Amino acid sequence: MIQWQKSTYSGGAAGNECVELAYAEGELLLRESDSPARILPLAPTSLAALLQCVQAGGRVRR
């Protein structure tokens, strides 16, 4: 079973969706709590780039 972790900044109330991370079978996994079935495997460098962008106040293009 995958152990998902979410930020302590995320509240527990309804409507407080957040990004969750896990490490399973040698890879990092990312998902949104409002769409838990959609799981994205990613490289550590990709996660670092995402975090730097978020911390800098940038937007991620879809």
C-alpha atoms as a PDB file:
ATOM      1  CA  MET A   1       0.000   0.000   0.000  1.00  0.00           C
ATOM      2  CA  ILE A   2       1.326   3.436  -0.950  1.00  0.00           C
ATOM      3  CA  GLN A   3       1.702   5.909   1.906  1.00  0.00           C
ATOM      4  CA  TRP A   4       0.728   9.334   0.575  1.00  0.00           C
ATOM      5  CA  GLN A   5       1.917  12.486   2.324  1.00  0.00           C
ATOM      6  CA  LYS A   6       0.433  15.936   2.032  1.00  0.00           C
ATOM      7  CA  SER A   7       1.602  19.262   3.280  1.00  0.00           C
ATOM      8  CA  THR A   8       0.952  20.234   6.865  1.00  0.00           C
ATOM      9  CA  TYR A   9      -0.224  23.552   5.398  1.00  0.00           C
ATOM     10  CA  SER A  10      -3.226  21.761   3.897  1.00  0.00           C
ATOM     11  CA  GLY A  11      -6.313  21.951   6.087  1.00  0.00           C
ATOM     12  CA  GLY A  12      -8.578  18.983   6.670  1.00  0.00           C
ATOM     13  CA  ALA A  13     -11.819  20.717   5.716  1.00  0.00           C
ATOM     14  CA  ALA A  14     -13.794  19.974   2.566  1.00  0.00           C
ATOM     15  CA  GLY A  15     -12.523  21.877  -0.451  1.00  0.00           C
ATOM     16  CA  ASN A  16      -8.909  21.889   0.751  1.00  0.00           C
ATOM     17  CA  GLU A  17      -7.416  19.899  -2.102  1.00  0.00           C
ATOM     18  CA  CYS A  18      -3.669  19.644  -2.262  1.00  0.00           C
ATOM     19  CA  VAL A  19      -0.794  17.866  -3.920  1.00  0.00           C
ATOM     20  CA  GLU A  20       0.280  14.613  -2.302  1.00  0.00           C
ATOM     21  CA  LEU A  21       3.637  12.840  -2.642  1.00  0.00           C
ATOM     22  CA  ALA A  22       4.713   9.260  -2.140  1.00  0.00           C
ATOM     23  CA  TYR A  23       7.785   7.121  -2.686  1.00  0.00           C
ATOM     24  CA  ALA A  24       7.088   3.585  -3.850  1.00  0.00           C
ATOM     25  CA  GLU A  25       9.123   0.938  -5.613  1.00  0.00           C
ATOM     26  CA  GLY A  26      12.023   3.290  -6.243  1.00  0.00           C
ATOM     27  CA  GLU A  27      10.124   6.208  -7.758  1.00  0.00           C
ATOM     28  CA  LEU A  28       8.474   9.426  -6.648  1.00  0.00           C
ATOM     29  CA  LEU A  29       4.731   9.722  -7.202  1.00  0.00           C
ATOM     30  CA  LEU A  30       2.587  12.847  -7.328  1.00  0.00           C
ATOM     31  CA  ARG A  31      -1.206  13.224  -7.281  1.00  0.00           C
ATOM     32  CA  GLU A  32      -3.893  15.776  -6.487  1.00  0.00           C
ATOM     33  CA  SER A  33      -6.083  14.874  -3.547  1.00  0.00           C
ATOM     34  CA  ASP A  34      -9.230  15.719  -5.534  1.00  0.00           C
ATOM     35  CA  SER A  35      -8.177  13.254  -8.308  1.00  0.00           C
ATOM     36  CA  PRO A  36      -6.427  10.438  -6.408  1.00  0.00           C
ATOM     37  CA  ALA A  37      -6.634   7.917  -9.245  1.00  0.00           C
ATOM     38  CA  ARG A  38      -4.436  10.083 -11.504  1.00  0.00           C
ATOM     39  CA  ILE A  39      -0.879   9.379 -10.379  1.00  0.00           C
ATOM     40  CA  LEU A  40       2.173  10.945 -12.011  1.00  0.00           C
ATOM     41  CA  PRO A  41       5.589   9.313 -11.602  1.00  0.00           C
ATOM     42  CA  LEU A  42       8.354  11.901 -11.664  1.00  0.00           C
ATOM     43  CA  ALA A  43      12.090  12.296 -11.388  1.00  0.00           C
ATOM     44  CA  PRO A  44      13.600  14.010  -8.334  1.00  0.00           C
ATOM     45  CA  THR A  45      14.882  16.818 -10.578  1.00  0.00           C
ATOM     46  CA  SER A  46      11.354  17.437 -11.884  1.00  0.00           C
ATOM     47  CA  LEU A  47       9.996  17.660  -8.358  1.00  0.00           C
ATOM     48  CA  ALA A  48      12.773  20.085  -7.398  1.00  0.00           C
ATOM     49  CA  ALA A  49      11.961  22.292 -10.411  1.00  0.00           C
ATOM     50  CA  LEU A  50       8.246  22.272  -9.540  1.00  0.00           C
ATOM     51  CA  LEU A  51       8.936  23.242  -5.930  1.00  0.00           C
ATOM     52  CA  GLN A  52      11.285  26.048  -6.979  1.00  0.00           C
ATOM     53  CA  CYS A  53       8.649  27.412  -9.362  1.00  0.00           C
ATOM     54  CA  VAL A  54       5.932  27.319  -6.692  1.00  0.00           C
ATOM     55  CA  GLN A  55       8.178  28.950  -4.097  1.00  0.00           C
ATOM     56  CA  ALA A  56       9.028  31.711  -6.560  1.00  0.00           C
ATOM     57  CA  GLY A  57       5.329  32.377  -7.123  1.00  0.00           C
ATOM     58  CA  GLY A  58       5.406  31.104 -10.699  1.00  0.00           C
ATOM     59  CA  ARG A  59       2.655  29.434 -12.610  1.00  0.00           C
ATOM     60  CA  VAL A  60       2.810  25.936 -14.033  1.00  0.00           C
ATOM     61  CA  ARG A  61       1.460  25.703 -17.574  1.00  0.00           C
ATOM     62  CA  ARG A  62      -0.956  22.924 -18.446  1.00  0.00           C
END
